N, C-alpha and C. Protein backbone atom coordinates (compact mmCIF):
# COMPACT_ATOMS: atom_id res chain seq x y z
N UNK A 1 78.65 -165.03 3.17
CA UNK A 1 77.31 -164.88 3.69
C UNK A 1 76.48 -164.07 2.71
N UNK A 2 75.26 -164.51 2.44
CA UNK A 2 74.37 -163.83 1.51
C UNK A 2 73.66 -162.67 2.19
N UNK A 3 73.40 -161.58 1.44
CA UNK A 3 72.65 -160.47 2.05
C UNK A 3 71.20 -160.89 2.29
N UNK A 4 70.58 -160.22 3.27
CA UNK A 4 69.18 -160.50 3.57
C UNK A 4 68.30 -160.01 2.42
N UNK A 5 67.22 -160.72 2.14
CA UNK A 5 66.33 -160.26 1.08
C UNK A 5 65.62 -158.96 1.49
N UNK A 6 65.16 -158.22 0.48
CA UNK A 6 64.52 -156.93 0.73
C UNK A 6 63.21 -157.09 1.48
N UNK A 7 62.51 -158.19 1.29
CA UNK A 7 61.23 -158.38 1.96
C UNK A 7 61.38 -159.26 3.19
N UNK A 8 62.38 -158.95 4.00
CA UNK A 8 62.67 -159.71 5.21
C UNK A 8 61.49 -159.58 6.17
N UNK A 9 60.90 -160.69 6.55
CA UNK A 9 59.74 -160.70 7.44
C UNK A 9 60.12 -161.10 8.85
N UNK A 10 61.29 -160.70 9.29
CA UNK A 10 61.73 -161.02 10.63
C UNK A 10 60.79 -160.36 11.63
N UNK A 11 60.27 -161.12 12.57
CA UNK A 11 59.35 -160.52 13.54
C UNK A 11 60.08 -159.54 14.46
N UNK A 12 59.36 -158.52 14.87
CA UNK A 12 59.92 -157.51 15.77
C UNK A 12 60.08 -158.15 17.16
N UNK A 13 61.21 -157.94 17.79
CA UNK A 13 61.42 -158.54 19.11
C UNK A 13 60.47 -157.93 20.16
N UNK A 14 60.02 -158.76 21.06
CA UNK A 14 59.12 -158.29 22.13
C UNK A 14 59.82 -157.27 23.01
N UNK A 15 61.14 -157.38 23.15
CA UNK A 15 61.89 -156.42 23.98
C UNK A 15 61.80 -155.01 23.38
N UNK A 16 61.76 -154.93 22.05
CA UNK A 16 61.63 -153.62 21.39
C UNK A 16 60.28 -153.00 21.73
N UNK A 17 59.21 -153.78 21.60
CA UNK A 17 57.87 -153.27 21.91
C UNK A 17 57.79 -152.83 23.37
N UNK A 18 58.36 -153.63 24.27
CA UNK A 18 58.33 -153.30 25.70
C UNK A 18 59.10 -152.00 25.98
N UNK A 19 60.22 -151.81 25.28
CA UNK A 19 61.01 -150.59 25.47
C UNK A 19 60.24 -149.36 24.99
N UNK A 20 59.56 -149.50 23.86
CA UNK A 20 58.76 -148.37 23.34
C UNK A 20 57.66 -148.03 24.35
N UNK A 21 56.98 -149.03 24.86
CA UNK A 21 55.90 -148.78 25.82
C UNK A 21 56.44 -148.19 27.12
N UNK A 22 57.63 -148.56 27.51
CA UNK A 22 58.23 -148.02 28.73
C UNK A 22 58.51 -146.52 28.59
N UNK A 23 58.75 -146.07 27.38
CA UNK A 23 59.04 -144.66 27.14
C UNK A 23 57.80 -143.82 26.83
N UNK A 24 56.62 -144.41 26.89
CA UNK A 24 55.38 -143.66 26.59
C UNK A 24 55.20 -142.42 27.47
N UNK A 25 55.42 -142.48 28.79
CA UNK A 25 55.26 -141.25 29.60
C UNK A 25 56.24 -140.15 29.17
N UNK A 26 57.46 -140.54 28.86
CA UNK A 26 58.45 -139.55 28.40
C UNK A 26 58.06 -138.96 27.06
N UNK A 27 57.54 -139.78 26.16
CA UNK A 27 57.08 -139.27 24.86
C UNK A 27 55.91 -138.31 25.03
N UNK A 28 55.04 -138.62 25.97
CA UNK A 28 53.88 -137.74 26.23
C UNK A 28 54.37 -136.38 26.74
N UNK A 29 55.33 -136.39 27.66
CA UNK A 29 55.88 -135.11 28.16
C UNK A 29 56.56 -134.33 27.04
N UNK A 30 57.32 -135.04 26.22
CA UNK A 30 58.02 -134.39 25.11
C UNK A 30 57.01 -133.81 24.10
N UNK A 31 55.93 -134.51 23.86
CA UNK A 31 54.93 -134.05 22.89
C UNK A 31 54.27 -132.75 23.34
N UNK A 32 54.25 -132.49 24.65
CA UNK A 32 53.66 -131.22 25.15
C UNK A 32 54.42 -130.01 24.62
N UNK A 33 55.72 -130.19 24.37
CA UNK A 33 56.52 -129.07 23.84
C UNK A 33 56.12 -128.70 22.42
N UNK A 34 55.66 -129.69 21.67
CA UNK A 34 55.41 -129.49 20.25
C UNK A 34 53.95 -129.23 19.90
N UNK A 35 53.04 -129.45 20.83
CA UNK A 35 51.61 -129.35 20.50
C UNK A 35 50.91 -128.38 21.43
N UNK A 36 49.68 -128.00 21.03
CA UNK A 36 48.90 -127.05 21.82
C UNK A 36 47.75 -127.72 22.57
N UNK A 37 47.18 -128.75 21.98
CA UNK A 37 46.01 -129.38 22.61
C UNK A 37 46.34 -130.82 23.00
N UNK A 38 45.50 -131.35 23.89
CA UNK A 38 45.66 -132.74 24.33
C UNK A 38 45.48 -133.70 23.16
N UNK A 39 44.54 -133.39 22.30
CA UNK A 39 44.29 -134.26 21.14
C UNK A 39 45.51 -134.30 20.22
N UNK A 40 46.11 -133.14 19.97
CA UNK A 40 47.31 -133.09 19.13
C UNK A 40 48.45 -133.85 19.79
N UNK A 41 48.58 -133.71 21.11
CA UNK A 41 49.64 -134.41 21.84
C UNK A 41 49.46 -135.92 21.71
N UNK A 42 48.25 -136.39 21.95
CA UNK A 42 47.98 -137.82 21.85
C UNK A 42 48.25 -138.34 20.43
N UNK A 43 47.85 -137.56 19.44
CA UNK A 43 48.10 -137.96 18.05
C UNK A 43 49.60 -138.05 17.77
N UNK A 44 50.36 -137.07 18.25
CA UNK A 44 51.80 -137.08 18.01
C UNK A 44 52.47 -138.28 18.70
N UNK A 45 52.06 -138.58 19.91
CA UNK A 45 52.63 -139.74 20.61
C UNK A 45 52.28 -141.02 19.86
N UNK A 46 51.02 -141.17 19.46
CA UNK A 46 50.62 -142.36 18.71
C UNK A 46 51.37 -142.48 17.39
N UNK A 47 51.50 -141.36 16.68
CA UNK A 47 52.23 -141.38 15.41
C UNK A 47 53.69 -141.76 15.62
N UNK A 48 54.30 -141.26 16.70
CA UNK A 48 55.69 -141.57 16.98
C UNK A 48 55.86 -143.06 17.29
N UNK A 49 54.95 -143.59 18.10
CA UNK A 49 55.03 -145.02 18.45
C UNK A 49 54.85 -145.86 17.20
N UNK A 50 53.86 -145.53 16.39
CA UNK A 50 53.63 -146.29 15.15
C UNK A 50 54.84 -146.20 14.23
N UNK A 51 55.40 -145.01 14.10
CA UNK A 51 56.56 -144.80 13.25
C UNK A 51 57.74 -145.64 13.74
N UNK A 52 57.96 -145.64 15.05
CA UNK A 52 59.07 -146.40 15.62
C UNK A 52 58.85 -147.90 15.44
N UNK A 53 57.63 -148.36 15.64
CA UNK A 53 57.36 -149.78 15.49
C UNK A 53 57.48 -150.23 14.03
N UNK A 54 57.12 -149.36 13.10
CA UNK A 54 57.25 -149.71 11.68
C UNK A 54 58.71 -149.73 11.25
N UNK A 55 59.54 -148.90 11.86
CA UNK A 55 60.93 -148.77 11.45
C UNK A 55 61.89 -149.32 12.51
N UNK A 56 61.47 -150.33 13.19
CA UNK A 56 62.26 -150.89 14.29
C UNK A 56 63.63 -151.37 13.83
N UNK A 57 63.74 -151.76 12.57
CA UNK A 57 65.02 -152.26 12.07
C UNK A 57 66.05 -151.14 11.90
N UNK A 58 65.57 -149.89 11.86
CA UNK A 58 66.50 -148.76 11.70
C UNK A 58 67.28 -148.47 12.98
N UNK A 59 66.77 -148.92 14.12
CA UNK A 59 67.48 -148.66 15.38
C UNK A 59 68.65 -149.62 15.49
N UNK A 60 69.83 -149.05 15.66
CA UNK A 60 71.05 -149.86 15.79
C UNK A 60 71.43 -149.89 17.27
N UNK A 61 71.23 -150.99 17.88
CA UNK A 61 71.60 -151.10 19.28
C UNK A 61 70.59 -151.95 20.04
N UNK A 62 70.73 -151.91 21.34
CA UNK A 62 69.85 -152.69 22.21
C UNK A 62 68.89 -151.72 22.89
N UNK A 63 67.58 -151.87 22.67
CA UNK A 63 66.64 -150.92 23.29
C UNK A 63 66.62 -151.00 24.81
N UNK A 64 67.12 -152.07 25.39
CA UNK A 64 67.09 -152.19 26.86
C UNK A 64 68.30 -151.53 27.52
N UNK A 65 69.26 -151.04 26.73
CA UNK A 65 70.42 -150.37 27.32
C UNK A 65 69.99 -149.06 27.96
N UNK A 66 70.62 -148.72 29.05
CA UNK A 66 70.23 -147.52 29.79
C UNK A 66 71.07 -146.31 29.45
N UNK A 67 71.86 -146.37 28.37
CA UNK A 67 72.73 -145.25 28.00
C UNK A 67 71.98 -144.13 27.30
N UNK A 68 70.74 -144.30 26.97
CA UNK A 68 69.96 -143.23 26.36
C UNK A 68 69.88 -143.30 24.86
N UNK A 69 70.50 -144.29 24.24
CA UNK A 69 70.47 -144.38 22.79
C UNK A 69 69.08 -144.59 22.23
N UNK A 70 68.29 -145.41 22.91
CA UNK A 70 66.93 -145.67 22.44
C UNK A 70 66.05 -144.44 22.62
N UNK A 71 66.21 -143.76 23.77
CA UNK A 71 65.43 -142.54 24.01
C UNK A 71 65.79 -141.47 22.97
N UNK A 72 67.07 -141.33 22.66
CA UNK A 72 67.49 -140.35 21.66
C UNK A 72 66.89 -140.70 20.31
N UNK A 73 66.85 -141.99 19.97
CA UNK A 73 66.28 -142.42 18.69
C UNK A 73 64.78 -142.09 18.64
N UNK A 74 64.06 -142.39 19.72
CA UNK A 74 62.62 -142.07 19.77
C UNK A 74 62.40 -140.55 19.68
N UNK A 75 63.25 -139.80 20.34
CA UNK A 75 63.14 -138.34 20.29
C UNK A 75 63.33 -137.83 18.86
N UNK A 76 64.30 -138.39 18.15
CA UNK A 76 64.53 -137.99 16.76
C UNK A 76 63.34 -138.36 15.87
N UNK A 77 62.73 -139.50 16.17
CA UNK A 77 61.55 -139.90 15.39
C UNK A 77 60.43 -138.88 15.57
N UNK A 78 60.19 -138.48 16.83
CA UNK A 78 59.14 -137.50 17.09
C UNK A 78 59.47 -136.15 16.45
N UNK A 79 60.70 -135.71 16.59
CA UNK A 79 61.09 -134.43 15.98
C UNK A 79 60.94 -134.46 14.47
N UNK A 80 61.25 -135.60 13.87
CA UNK A 80 61.08 -135.74 12.42
C UNK A 80 59.62 -135.62 12.01
N UNK A 81 58.73 -136.23 12.79
CA UNK A 81 57.30 -136.13 12.49
C UNK A 81 56.81 -134.69 12.64
N UNK A 82 57.28 -134.00 13.68
CA UNK A 82 56.88 -132.60 13.89
C UNK A 82 57.38 -131.73 12.73
N UNK A 83 58.62 -131.93 12.34
CA UNK A 83 59.20 -131.15 11.23
C UNK A 83 58.44 -131.41 9.94
N UNK A 84 58.14 -132.67 9.67
CA UNK A 84 57.40 -133.03 8.46
C UNK A 84 56.02 -132.37 8.45
N UNK A 85 55.36 -132.36 9.60
CA UNK A 85 54.03 -131.73 9.68
C UNK A 85 54.12 -130.23 9.46
N UNK A 86 55.17 -129.59 9.98
CA UNK A 86 55.29 -128.14 9.80
C UNK A 86 55.62 -127.79 8.35
N UNK A 87 56.42 -128.61 7.70
CA UNK A 87 56.73 -128.38 6.28
C UNK A 87 55.47 -128.52 5.43
N UNK A 88 54.67 -129.55 5.72
CA UNK A 88 53.42 -129.74 4.99
C UNK A 88 52.47 -128.57 5.22
N UNK A 89 52.38 -128.09 6.46
CA UNK A 89 51.48 -126.97 6.76
C UNK A 89 51.95 -125.70 6.04
N UNK A 90 53.26 -125.46 6.02
CA UNK A 90 53.78 -124.28 5.32
C UNK A 90 53.50 -124.38 3.83
N UNK A 91 53.65 -125.56 3.27
CA UNK A 91 53.36 -125.75 1.84
C UNK A 91 51.88 -125.47 1.56
N UNK A 92 51.00 -125.97 2.42
CA UNK A 92 49.57 -125.72 2.24
C UNK A 92 49.26 -124.24 2.31
N UNK A 93 49.88 -123.54 3.26
CA UNK A 93 49.62 -122.10 3.39
C UNK A 93 50.07 -121.34 2.14
N UNK A 94 51.17 -121.80 1.52
CA UNK A 94 51.68 -121.12 0.32
C UNK A 94 50.87 -121.44 -0.91
N UNK A 95 50.34 -122.65 -1.01
CA UNK A 95 49.75 -123.08 -2.27
C UNK A 95 48.23 -123.12 -2.28
N UNK A 96 47.59 -123.25 -1.16
CA UNK A 96 46.14 -123.37 -1.14
C UNK A 96 45.55 -122.04 -0.73
N UNK A 97 44.63 -121.54 -1.53
CA UNK A 97 43.92 -120.32 -1.18
C UNK A 97 42.50 -120.69 -0.79
N UNK A 98 42.08 -120.16 0.32
CA UNK A 98 40.74 -120.43 0.81
C UNK A 98 39.83 -119.29 0.39
N UNK A 99 38.64 -119.64 -0.04
CA UNK A 99 37.66 -118.67 -0.48
C UNK A 99 36.53 -118.66 0.54
N UNK A 100 36.16 -117.48 1.00
CA UNK A 100 35.09 -117.40 1.98
C UNK A 100 33.75 -117.74 1.33
N UNK A 101 32.82 -118.20 2.12
CA UNK A 101 31.50 -118.55 1.61
C UNK A 101 30.78 -117.32 1.07
N UNK A 102 31.03 -116.17 1.68
CA UNK A 102 30.39 -114.94 1.20
C UNK A 102 30.80 -114.65 -0.24
N UNK A 103 32.06 -114.86 -0.55
CA UNK A 103 32.54 -114.61 -1.91
C UNK A 103 31.90 -115.58 -2.89
N UNK A 104 31.70 -116.81 -2.47
CA UNK A 104 31.11 -117.80 -3.35
C UNK A 104 29.64 -117.50 -3.58
N UNK A 105 28.94 -117.12 -2.51
CA UNK A 105 27.50 -116.88 -2.61
C UNK A 105 27.20 -115.62 -3.40
N UNK A 106 28.04 -114.58 -3.25
CA UNK A 106 27.76 -113.32 -3.94
C UNK A 106 28.21 -113.32 -5.39
N UNK A 107 29.03 -114.29 -5.80
CA UNK A 107 29.45 -114.38 -7.19
C UNK A 107 28.27 -114.84 -8.02
N UNK A 108 27.82 -114.03 -9.00
CA UNK A 108 26.61 -114.38 -9.73
C UNK A 108 26.74 -115.65 -10.56
N UNK A 109 27.86 -115.84 -11.22
CA UNK A 109 28.02 -117.03 -12.04
C UNK A 109 29.49 -117.23 -12.35
N UNK A 110 29.79 -118.34 -12.96
CA UNK A 110 31.16 -118.59 -13.37
C UNK A 110 31.39 -117.98 -14.75
N UNK A 111 32.62 -117.65 -15.08
CA UNK A 111 32.88 -117.08 -16.39
C UNK A 111 32.57 -118.09 -17.51
N UNK A 112 32.16 -117.55 -18.63
CA UNK A 112 31.81 -118.40 -19.76
C UNK A 112 33.05 -119.09 -20.31
N UNK A 113 32.85 -120.29 -20.80
CA UNK A 113 33.95 -121.02 -21.41
C UNK A 113 34.17 -120.54 -22.84
N UNK A 114 35.24 -120.98 -23.45
CA UNK A 114 35.54 -120.58 -24.82
C UNK A 114 34.45 -121.08 -25.77
N UNK A 115 33.95 -122.28 -25.51
CA UNK A 115 32.90 -122.84 -26.36
C UNK A 115 31.62 -122.02 -26.25
N UNK A 116 31.27 -121.59 -25.03
CA UNK A 116 30.07 -120.77 -24.86
C UNK A 116 30.23 -119.42 -25.55
N UNK A 117 31.45 -118.84 -25.47
CA UNK A 117 31.68 -117.57 -26.17
C UNK A 117 31.54 -117.74 -27.68
N UNK A 118 32.01 -118.85 -28.21
CA UNK A 118 31.88 -119.10 -29.65
C UNK A 118 30.41 -119.25 -30.03
N UNK A 119 29.65 -119.98 -29.23
CA UNK A 119 28.21 -120.12 -29.50
C UNK A 119 27.51 -118.77 -29.47
N UNK A 120 27.88 -117.95 -28.49
CA UNK A 120 27.25 -116.64 -28.36
C UNK A 120 27.58 -115.75 -29.56
N UNK A 121 28.80 -115.83 -30.07
CA UNK A 121 29.15 -115.00 -31.23
C UNK A 121 28.36 -115.44 -32.46
N UNK A 122 28.09 -116.75 -32.58
CA UNK A 122 27.26 -117.24 -33.69
C UNK A 122 25.85 -116.68 -33.56
N UNK A 123 25.32 -116.70 -32.35
CA UNK A 123 23.97 -116.18 -32.13
C UNK A 123 23.91 -114.69 -32.46
N UNK A 124 24.89 -113.92 -32.03
CA UNK A 124 24.89 -112.48 -32.32
C UNK A 124 25.00 -112.21 -33.81
N UNK A 125 25.84 -112.98 -34.50
CA UNK A 125 25.96 -112.80 -35.94
C UNK A 125 24.62 -113.07 -36.63
N UNK A 126 23.97 -114.13 -36.25
CA UNK A 126 22.68 -114.46 -36.85
C UNK A 126 21.62 -113.45 -36.47
N UNK A 127 21.66 -112.98 -35.22
CA UNK A 127 20.66 -112.00 -34.77
C UNK A 127 20.82 -110.68 -35.52
N UNK A 128 22.07 -110.34 -35.84
CA UNK A 128 22.30 -109.08 -36.57
C UNK A 128 21.72 -109.16 -37.98
N UNK A 129 21.65 -110.36 -38.54
CA UNK A 129 21.13 -110.52 -39.89
C UNK A 129 19.63 -110.74 -39.94
N UNK A 130 19.00 -110.86 -38.80
CA UNK A 130 17.56 -111.13 -38.73
C UNK A 130 16.83 -109.81 -38.54
N UNK A 131 15.64 -109.71 -39.14
CA UNK A 131 14.81 -108.52 -38.95
C UNK A 131 14.47 -108.41 -37.46
N UNK A 132 14.69 -107.27 -36.90
CA UNK A 132 14.48 -106.98 -35.48
C UNK A 132 15.45 -107.74 -34.58
N UNK A 133 16.59 -108.14 -35.13
CA UNK A 133 17.61 -108.83 -34.33
C UNK A 133 18.17 -107.92 -33.25
N UNK A 134 18.17 -106.59 -33.52
CA UNK A 134 18.67 -105.66 -32.51
C UNK A 134 17.82 -105.69 -31.24
N UNK A 135 16.51 -105.94 -31.39
CA UNK A 135 15.63 -106.04 -30.22
C UNK A 135 16.05 -107.26 -29.39
N UNK A 136 16.31 -108.37 -30.06
CA UNK A 136 16.74 -109.59 -29.38
C UNK A 136 18.05 -109.35 -28.63
N UNK A 137 18.99 -108.69 -29.28
CA UNK A 137 20.29 -108.43 -28.65
C UNK A 137 20.12 -107.49 -27.46
N UNK A 138 19.34 -106.46 -27.60
CA UNK A 138 19.12 -105.52 -26.50
C UNK A 138 18.46 -106.22 -25.31
N UNK A 139 17.51 -107.11 -25.59
CA UNK A 139 16.85 -107.85 -24.50
C UNK A 139 17.83 -108.81 -23.83
N UNK A 140 18.70 -109.44 -24.65
CA UNK A 140 19.70 -110.35 -24.09
C UNK A 140 20.68 -109.61 -23.20
N UNK A 141 20.92 -108.35 -23.49
CA UNK A 141 21.82 -107.54 -22.68
C UNK A 141 21.14 -106.99 -21.43
N UNK A 142 19.84 -107.28 -21.27
CA UNK A 142 19.14 -106.91 -20.04
C UNK A 142 18.30 -105.66 -20.13
N UNK A 143 18.13 -105.14 -21.31
CA UNK A 143 17.33 -103.93 -21.46
C UNK A 143 15.85 -104.27 -21.26
N UNK A 144 15.10 -103.38 -20.63
CA UNK A 144 13.68 -103.62 -20.33
C UNK A 144 12.81 -103.39 -21.56
N UNK A 145 11.71 -104.13 -21.59
CA UNK A 145 10.75 -104.00 -22.70
C UNK A 145 10.26 -102.57 -22.84
N UNK A 146 9.97 -101.90 -21.74
CA UNK A 146 9.39 -100.56 -21.79
C UNK A 146 10.35 -99.56 -22.43
N UNK A 147 11.63 -99.68 -22.17
CA UNK A 147 12.61 -98.75 -22.76
C UNK A 147 12.62 -98.90 -24.28
N UNK A 148 12.65 -100.15 -24.76
CA UNK A 148 12.66 -100.39 -26.20
C UNK A 148 11.33 -99.94 -26.81
N UNK A 149 10.24 -100.20 -26.11
CA UNK A 149 8.90 -99.81 -26.60
C UNK A 149 8.80 -98.30 -26.72
N UNK A 150 9.29 -97.57 -25.75
CA UNK A 150 9.23 -96.11 -25.79
C UNK A 150 10.05 -95.54 -26.95
N UNK A 151 11.23 -96.11 -27.20
CA UNK A 151 12.09 -95.63 -28.29
C UNK A 151 11.44 -95.88 -29.65
N UNK A 152 10.73 -96.99 -29.81
CA UNK A 152 10.15 -97.37 -31.10
C UNK A 152 8.71 -96.91 -31.26
N UNK A 153 8.13 -96.41 -30.17
CA UNK A 153 6.73 -95.97 -30.25
C UNK A 153 5.77 -97.16 -30.30
N UNK A 154 6.13 -98.26 -29.66
CA UNK A 154 5.32 -99.47 -29.65
C UNK A 154 4.90 -99.79 -28.21
N UNK A 155 4.02 -100.75 -28.10
CA UNK A 155 3.64 -101.21 -26.75
C UNK A 155 4.66 -102.24 -26.27
N UNK A 156 4.68 -102.49 -24.97
CA UNK A 156 5.57 -103.51 -24.41
C UNK A 156 5.25 -104.88 -24.98
N UNK A 157 3.95 -105.15 -25.14
CA UNK A 157 3.54 -106.45 -25.66
C UNK A 157 4.04 -106.65 -27.09
N UNK A 158 4.00 -105.61 -27.90
CA UNK A 158 4.46 -105.74 -29.28
C UNK A 158 5.98 -105.98 -29.32
N UNK A 159 6.74 -105.33 -28.44
CA UNK A 159 8.19 -105.55 -28.37
C UNK A 159 8.47 -106.99 -27.95
N UNK A 160 7.70 -107.54 -27.00
CA UNK A 160 7.86 -108.92 -26.57
C UNK A 160 7.60 -109.87 -27.73
N UNK A 161 6.55 -109.56 -28.54
CA UNK A 161 6.24 -110.40 -29.71
C UNK A 161 7.37 -110.34 -30.73
N UNK A 162 7.92 -109.14 -30.95
CA UNK A 162 9.04 -108.98 -31.89
C UNK A 162 10.25 -109.78 -31.39
N UNK A 163 10.50 -109.74 -30.11
CA UNK A 163 11.61 -110.49 -29.52
C UNK A 163 11.42 -111.99 -29.75
N UNK A 164 10.20 -112.48 -29.53
CA UNK A 164 9.92 -113.90 -29.71
C UNK A 164 10.11 -114.31 -31.17
N UNK A 165 9.61 -113.48 -32.10
CA UNK A 165 9.78 -113.76 -33.53
C UNK A 165 11.25 -113.78 -33.92
N UNK A 166 12.01 -112.81 -33.40
CA UNK A 166 13.44 -112.73 -33.73
C UNK A 166 14.17 -113.94 -33.16
N UNK A 167 13.80 -114.37 -31.97
CA UNK A 167 14.44 -115.55 -31.37
C UNK A 167 14.18 -116.78 -32.23
N UNK A 168 12.94 -116.95 -32.69
CA UNK A 168 12.61 -118.10 -33.54
C UNK A 168 13.38 -118.07 -34.85
N UNK A 169 13.56 -116.87 -35.42
CA UNK A 169 14.30 -116.73 -36.67
C UNK A 169 15.77 -117.10 -36.47
N UNK A 170 16.34 -116.68 -35.34
CA UNK A 170 17.75 -117.00 -35.06
C UNK A 170 17.92 -118.49 -34.86
N UNK A 171 17.01 -119.11 -34.11
CA UNK A 171 17.09 -120.54 -33.89
C UNK A 171 16.98 -121.30 -35.21
N UNK A 172 16.08 -120.88 -36.06
CA UNK A 172 15.94 -121.52 -37.38
C UNK A 172 17.20 -121.32 -38.23
N UNK A 173 17.77 -120.09 -38.19
CA UNK A 173 18.96 -119.80 -38.99
C UNK A 173 20.17 -120.62 -38.53
N UNK A 174 20.28 -120.83 -37.25
CA UNK A 174 21.43 -121.58 -36.72
C UNK A 174 21.20 -123.08 -36.86
N UNK A 175 19.96 -123.48 -36.81
CA UNK A 175 19.65 -124.90 -36.92
C UNK A 175 19.58 -125.59 -35.57
N UNK A 176 19.34 -124.85 -34.50
CA UNK A 176 19.26 -125.43 -33.15
C UNK A 176 17.83 -125.81 -32.81
N UNK A 177 16.91 -125.56 -33.70
CA UNK A 177 15.50 -125.81 -33.39
C UNK A 177 15.11 -127.27 -33.41
N UNK A 178 15.97 -128.13 -33.88
CA UNK A 178 15.63 -129.57 -33.85
C UNK A 178 15.41 -130.06 -35.17
């Protein structure tokens, strides 16, 4: 006798479907032990029925027998689904970190990439070689015009003009001006 092919399309017997449906009240009661809400219970029962119907060939025996073999098989299917769900949930708890919205909103920006750091170092090198490049660097670091103006004995407007000139010189030196 030849073995059955792997893609055997044998239809599921109607007696199997009827037996699964006959055990629906028992599956619902059993699902109450494993779940907290009605929605979770209904989902577990539906998942168990679908799982059993998909794997009907795995059941060895007659589903209409009253010895409890079919009920035990359905119970094992449900317990397997519950165990699988708990393993997945534990894995998610270990591996996924949740970030609160407050942390996301209060974070000013993302860290600079390596490429941005390289670009910035080129700009600083060029700014250091440009006349009044220190004004440009100080402004880039967030220093106020008035502080620089007071140290140099200049007006705020003149420091702004120096900053603009230094920026243009750096752009020309780097070749980013177009």
